[in-house]
Protein backbone atom coordinates (compact mmCIF):
# COMPACT_ATOMS: atom_id res chain seq x y z
CA MET A 1 67.63 77.77 168.45
CA ASN A 2 71.06 78.76 169.76
CA ASP A 3 69.29 79.93 172.94
CA ILE A 4 67.98 76.41 173.63
CA LYS A 5 70.41 74.30 175.62
CA ILE A 6 70.33 70.52 175.24
CA CYS A 7 72.09 68.19 177.65
CA VAL A 8 73.17 64.68 176.54
CA LEU A 9 74.09 62.32 179.37
CA GLY A 10 75.83 58.95 179.13
CA GLY A 11 75.11 56.30 176.55
CA ASP A 12 77.12 54.57 173.86
CA SER A 13 78.26 55.64 170.40
CA ARG A 14 74.64 56.34 169.47
CA MET A 15 74.59 59.23 171.94
CA VAL A 16 77.82 60.58 170.45
CA SER A 17 76.10 60.67 167.05
CA ALA A 18 72.92 62.14 168.56
CA ALA A 19 74.90 64.98 170.15
CA ARG A 20 76.65 65.71 166.86
CA PHE A 21 73.34 65.69 165.00
CA MET A 22 71.83 68.24 167.38
CA CYS A 23 74.92 70.44 167.15
CA LYS A 24 74.52 70.49 163.37
CA GLN A 25 70.94 71.69 163.90
CA ASN A 26 72.44 74.75 165.63
CA TYR A 27 71.40 73.84 169.15
CA SER A 28 73.67 74.57 172.10
CA VAL A 29 74.63 71.07 173.31
CA SER A 30 76.42 70.07 176.50
CA VAL A 31 77.56 66.49 177.12
CA PHE A 32 78.59 64.58 180.21
CA GLY A 33 79.57 60.94 180.66
CA ILE A 34 80.54 60.40 177.03
CA ASN A 35 84.17 59.75 176.27
CA GLY A 36 83.58 60.26 172.57
CA ILE A 37 84.71 63.06 170.29
CA VAL A 38 81.98 65.68 170.08
CA THR A 39 84.08 68.73 169.34
CA GLU A 40 81.04 70.86 168.46
CA ALA A 41 79.51 70.40 171.94
CA THR A 42 80.46 71.74 175.35
CA ILE A 43 82.19 68.97 177.30
CA CYS A 44 81.17 69.29 180.95
CA ASN A 45 83.32 68.10 183.84
CA ASP A 46 80.42 67.60 186.23
CA LEU A 47 76.78 66.59 186.09
CA GLU A 48 75.41 69.83 187.54
CA SER A 49 76.93 72.11 184.90
CA ALA A 50 75.59 69.84 182.16
CA VAL A 51 72.01 69.72 183.47
CA THR A 52 71.63 73.29 184.72
CA GLY A 53 69.81 75.50 182.24
CA ALA A 54 69.04 72.71 179.79
CA SER A 55 65.57 72.78 178.20
CA LEU A 56 66.00 69.19 176.98
CA ILE A 57 67.86 66.38 178.74
CA VAL A 58 68.60 63.36 176.56
CA LEU A 59 69.29 60.08 178.32
CA PRO A 60 70.49 56.90 176.56
CA LEU A 61 68.78 53.75 175.31
CA PRO A 62 68.39 51.98 177.64
CA PHE A 63 68.51 54.75 180.20
CA SER A 64 69.59 52.22 182.85
CA THR A 65 70.25 48.50 183.19
CA ASP A 66 69.94 48.30 186.97
CA GLY A 67 67.65 51.19 187.94
CA ILE A 68 70.43 52.77 189.99
CA LYS A 69 72.96 54.22 187.58
CA LEU A 70 72.74 55.64 184.09
CA PHE A 71 73.77 53.41 181.17
CA ALA A 72 77.15 54.94 180.31
CA PRO A 73 79.56 52.36 178.82
CA LEU A 74 81.81 55.09 177.39
CA CYS A 75 82.33 56.61 180.83
CA ASN A 76 84.83 55.42 183.45
CA PHE A 77 82.68 56.53 186.42
CA GLU A 78 79.10 56.01 187.55
CA ILE A 79 76.30 58.53 187.04
CA LYS A 80 73.59 57.92 189.62
CA ILE A 81 69.99 58.35 188.51
CA SER A 82 69.15 59.89 191.90
CA ASP A 83 71.73 62.62 191.26
CA ILE A 84 70.11 63.46 187.91
CA ILE A 85 66.67 63.71 189.53
CA SER A 86 67.97 65.98 192.29
CA LEU A 87 69.23 68.49 189.70
CA LEU A 88 66.03 68.74 187.65
CA LYS A 89 64.33 72.12 187.55
CA ASN A 90 60.75 73.02 186.74
CA GLY A 91 59.91 72.96 183.01
CA GLN A 92 62.69 70.71 181.72
CA LEU A 93 61.88 67.92 179.25
CA VAL A 94 63.63 64.65 180.16
CA THR A 95 63.84 62.04 177.41
CA GLY A 96 65.31 58.56 177.34
CA GLY A 97 64.84 55.03 176.12
CA LYS A 98 62.98 52.43 178.21
CA LEU A 99 62.36 54.84 181.09
CA SER A 100 61.06 53.20 184.26
CA GLU A 101 57.68 54.14 185.70
CA ASP A 102 59.31 55.16 188.98
CA PHE A 103 61.78 57.45 187.21
CA CYS A 104 59.01 59.15 185.21
CA LYS A 105 56.99 59.75 188.39
CA LYS A 106 59.97 61.43 190.06
CA VAL A 107 60.58 63.58 186.97
CA VAL A 108 56.97 64.80 187.11
CA GLN A 109 57.24 65.42 190.86
CA ASN A 110 60.10 67.82 190.08
CA GLY A 111 57.85 69.79 187.75
CA CYS A 112 59.36 68.37 184.58
CA ALA A 113 58.00 66.32 181.70
CA SER A 114 59.23 62.91 180.56
CA PHE A 115 59.22 61.34 177.12
CA ASP A 116 60.23 57.76 176.38
CA TYR A 117 61.46 57.93 172.80
CA TYR A 118 61.70 54.14 172.68
CA LEU A 119 57.89 54.13 172.49
CA SER A 120 57.84 56.59 169.59
CA GLU A 121 56.32 55.16 166.41
CA ARG A 122 58.72 57.28 164.37
CA LEU A 123 61.74 55.74 166.11
CA SER A 124 60.29 52.23 165.80
CA VAL A 125 59.75 52.55 162.05
CA LEU A 126 63.09 54.21 161.30
CA ASN A 127 64.96 51.75 163.54
CA ALA A 128 63.45 48.90 161.52
CA ILE A 129 65.68 49.94 158.61
CA PRO A 130 69.10 49.30 160.29
CA THR A 131 67.59 46.23 161.95
CA ALA A 132 66.62 44.78 158.58
CA GLU A 133 69.95 45.71 157.00
CA GLY A 134 71.80 44.17 159.94
CA ALA A 135 69.76 40.98 159.62
CA VAL A 136 70.66 40.69 155.93
CA SER A 137 74.33 41.29 156.79
CA ILE A 138 74.22 38.44 159.32
CA ALA A 139 72.57 36.18 156.75
CA ILE A 140 75.30 36.93 154.21
CA ASN A 141 78.05 36.19 156.73
CA GLU A 142 76.46 33.04 158.17
CA THR A 143 75.51 31.26 154.95
CA THR A 144 77.46 29.84 152.03
CA LYS A 145 74.94 31.05 149.45
CA THR A 146 74.02 34.38 147.99
CA ILE A 147 70.80 36.04 149.10
CA PHE A 148 69.86 35.96 145.42
CA GLY A 149 68.04 32.68 144.89
CA SER A 150 67.82 31.85 148.59
CA LYS A 151 64.51 30.72 150.05
CA CYS A 152 63.72 32.83 153.09
CA VAL A 153 61.02 32.91 155.75
CA ILE A 154 60.01 35.98 157.74
CA ALA A 155 57.92 35.24 160.83
CA GLY A 156 55.78 38.27 161.56
CA TYR A 157 54.91 41.11 159.22
CA GLY A 158 55.18 44.24 161.31
CA ARG A 159 57.57 47.15 160.81
CA ILE A 160 60.74 45.04 160.62
CA GLY A 161 59.13 42.24 158.64
CA LYS A 162 57.88 44.57 155.92
CA ILE A 163 61.20 46.38 155.44
CA LEU A 164 63.15 43.11 155.60
CA ALA A 165 60.89 41.51 152.99
CA LYS A 166 61.44 44.43 150.64
CA LEU A 167 65.22 44.21 151.05
CA LEU A 168 65.32 40.46 150.48
CA LYS A 169 63.06 40.60 147.45
CA ASN A 170 65.12 43.40 145.92
CA MET A 171 68.16 41.15 146.32
CA GLY A 172 66.46 38.31 144.47
CA ALA A 173 65.38 36.10 147.37
CA ASP A 174 62.23 33.99 147.41
CA VAL A 175 60.32 35.22 150.47
CA THR A 176 57.59 33.48 152.46
CA VAL A 177 55.85 35.31 155.31
CA PHE A 178 54.32 33.57 158.33
CA ALA A 179 51.66 35.68 160.06
CA ARG A 180 48.55 35.28 162.17
CA SER A 181 46.22 37.98 160.97
CA GLU A 182 44.42 38.06 157.66
CA GLN A 183 45.51 41.68 157.27
CA ALA A 184 49.21 40.84 157.59
CA LEU A 185 48.91 37.86 155.26
CA THR A 186 47.10 39.97 152.66
CA TRP A 187 49.71 42.72 152.80
CA ALA A 188 52.48 40.13 152.41
CA GLU A 189 50.80 38.79 149.30
CA ALA A 190 50.26 42.31 147.95
CA ASP A 191 53.98 42.95 148.46
CA GLY A 192 54.83 39.94 146.31
CA CYS A 193 55.60 37.41 149.03
CA HIS A 194 54.22 33.95 149.64
CA ALA A 195 52.10 33.93 152.78
CA CYS A 196 50.84 31.30 155.18
CA THR A 197 49.55 30.98 158.72
CA PHE A 198 51.61 29.49 161.55
CA CYS A 199 49.44 26.36 161.67
CA CYS A 200 50.96 25.40 158.31
CA ALA A 201 54.50 26.52 159.15
CA ASN A 202 56.10 23.08 159.47
CA ARG A 203 54.97 22.20 155.94
CA HIS A 204 56.79 25.20 154.47
CA LEU A 205 60.16 24.99 156.19
CA ASN A 206 61.85 21.89 154.78
CA ASP A 207 63.40 23.76 151.84
CA LYS A 208 64.05 27.18 153.42
CA ASP A 209 67.62 28.44 153.70
CA ILE A 210 67.18 31.35 156.11
CA ILE A 211 64.49 31.93 158.73
CA PHE A 212 64.07 35.41 160.22
CA ASN A 213 61.94 35.72 163.34
CA THR A 214 60.48 39.06 164.46
CA ILE A 215 57.92 37.71 166.97
CA PRO A 216 58.83 37.93 170.70
CA ALA A 217 56.90 34.77 171.59
CA LEU A 218 58.01 31.15 171.32
CA TRP A 219 56.69 29.53 168.16
CA MET A 220 59.77 27.67 166.91
CA ASN A 221 59.36 24.70 169.21
CA LYS A 222 60.78 21.19 168.82
CA ASN A 223 58.37 20.19 166.07
CA ILE A 224 58.96 23.34 164.06
CA ILE A 225 62.75 23.18 164.44
CA ASP A 226 62.72 19.53 163.35
CA SER A 227 60.93 20.64 160.17
CA THR A 228 63.82 22.85 159.06
CA LYS A 229 66.70 21.92 156.77
CA SER A 230 69.82 20.66 158.50
CA ASP A 231 71.82 23.63 157.24
CA ALA A 232 69.13 26.27 157.69
CA VAL A 233 70.17 29.47 159.46
CA ILE A 234 67.76 30.93 162.00
CA ILE A 235 68.12 34.63 162.83
CA ASP A 236 66.00 35.81 165.75
CA LEU A 237 65.42 39.58 165.68
CA ALA A 238 62.72 39.66 168.37
CA SER A 239 63.20 41.11 171.82
CA THR A 240 63.77 38.76 174.75
CA PRO A 241 62.77 35.94 175.08
CA GLY A 242 62.70 35.66 171.29
CA GLY A 243 60.71 33.15 169.31
CA VAL A 244 63.00 30.12 169.24
CA ASP A 245 63.58 27.23 171.62
CA PHE A 246 67.31 27.94 171.76
CA GLU A 247 68.24 25.03 174.00
CA TYR A 248 66.61 22.46 171.74
CA ALA A 249 67.99 24.09 168.59
CA LYS A 250 71.48 23.91 170.06
CA SER A 251 71.00 20.27 171.07
CA VAL A 252 70.25 19.33 167.44
CA SER A 253 73.07 21.50 166.04
CA LYS A 254 70.88 24.12 164.40
CA LYS A 255 72.55 27.43 163.67
CA VAL A 256 70.64 30.11 165.58
CA ILE A 257 71.73 33.75 165.94
CA PHE A 258 69.96 35.85 168.55
CA ALA A 259 70.45 39.31 167.04
CA LEU A 260 69.37 41.88 169.63
CA SER A 261 69.70 45.68 169.36
CA LEU A 262 71.03 45.67 165.81
CA PRO A 263 70.65 49.43 165.10
CA GLY A 264 73.22 50.33 167.75
CA LYS A 265 75.56 47.56 166.61
CA VAL A 266 75.49 47.81 162.83
CA ALA A 267 74.64 51.49 162.30
CA PRO A 268 75.27 53.50 165.50
CA GLU A 269 75.55 56.79 163.63
CA SER A 270 72.18 56.35 161.93
CA ALA A 271 70.63 55.02 165.16
CA GLY A 272 71.90 58.07 167.05
CA ASN A 273 70.58 60.43 164.39
CA ILE A 274 67.17 58.76 164.61
CA ILE A 275 67.09 59.26 168.39
CA ALA A 276 68.07 62.93 168.01
CA ASP A 277 65.43 63.47 165.33
CA CYS A 278 62.72 62.00 167.57
CA VAL A 279 63.57 64.03 170.67
CA LEU A 280 63.94 67.27 168.69
CA SER A 281 60.52 66.67 167.14
CA LYS A 282 59.12 66.25 170.64
CA LEU A 283 60.87 69.42 171.80
CA LYS A 284 59.35 71.36 168.91
CA GLY A 285 55.91 69.93 169.60
CA GLY A 286 55.86 67.33 166.83
CA LEU A 287 53.30 64.55 166.92
CA LEU A 288 55.14 61.26 167.49
């Protein structure tokens, strides 16, 4: 494995942790565009020396916010995506989070392969753990009650919903799950939660202390928000646009927290390790 060179470009503290993780796995790691302490890796002074000879190139999550330059908040200069593409050599594996279709096409045109680890089921499941823990942390900080004895709602029972429900129940909360499918509702019941469909949601909100949303589609409209307790805390974990009518909630003084990208905020080391684990599995031919 020491003969395999890995290049880590840009990113936030998650990429620092990812680089450290891969060093500990005895890979030869070069980094560029990270002003973090990765003493085990080779710190490159230019993009070309970092990319040249690398079997695996690891880009950040997201790989870019504007489609022009690499996401590199720890770096005091810009890394242009076009410059990365121009340095690619046949046979390299280029990985990143939320890769654009245009970028992937250009990677393939250069004789390389691309892998969007953000779409990996393994990453999605493992990232649900810090997301759920971060959501509970927000709930603790934003309420005046303990989680123990609190009445909570989880909207959606996917990866995050299931892990969050388990955490809350283990802390002594009373958990109700809102879901659409019979399968999700049945699993919620089997996991010891109350379960109901969204058509009955407004009848089950008037005594709930904390509402967690995991559905990236508006369902908490005016009528639903008006059904909640005056001091209820709403924590939206879904990707943009979320599931809450934020403007109306604000107009009626409801406490709403839009908690995006929690893994990188509450547990960057674990989030970075998860990214490294996923891309190394891909490098070794793992099924993701």
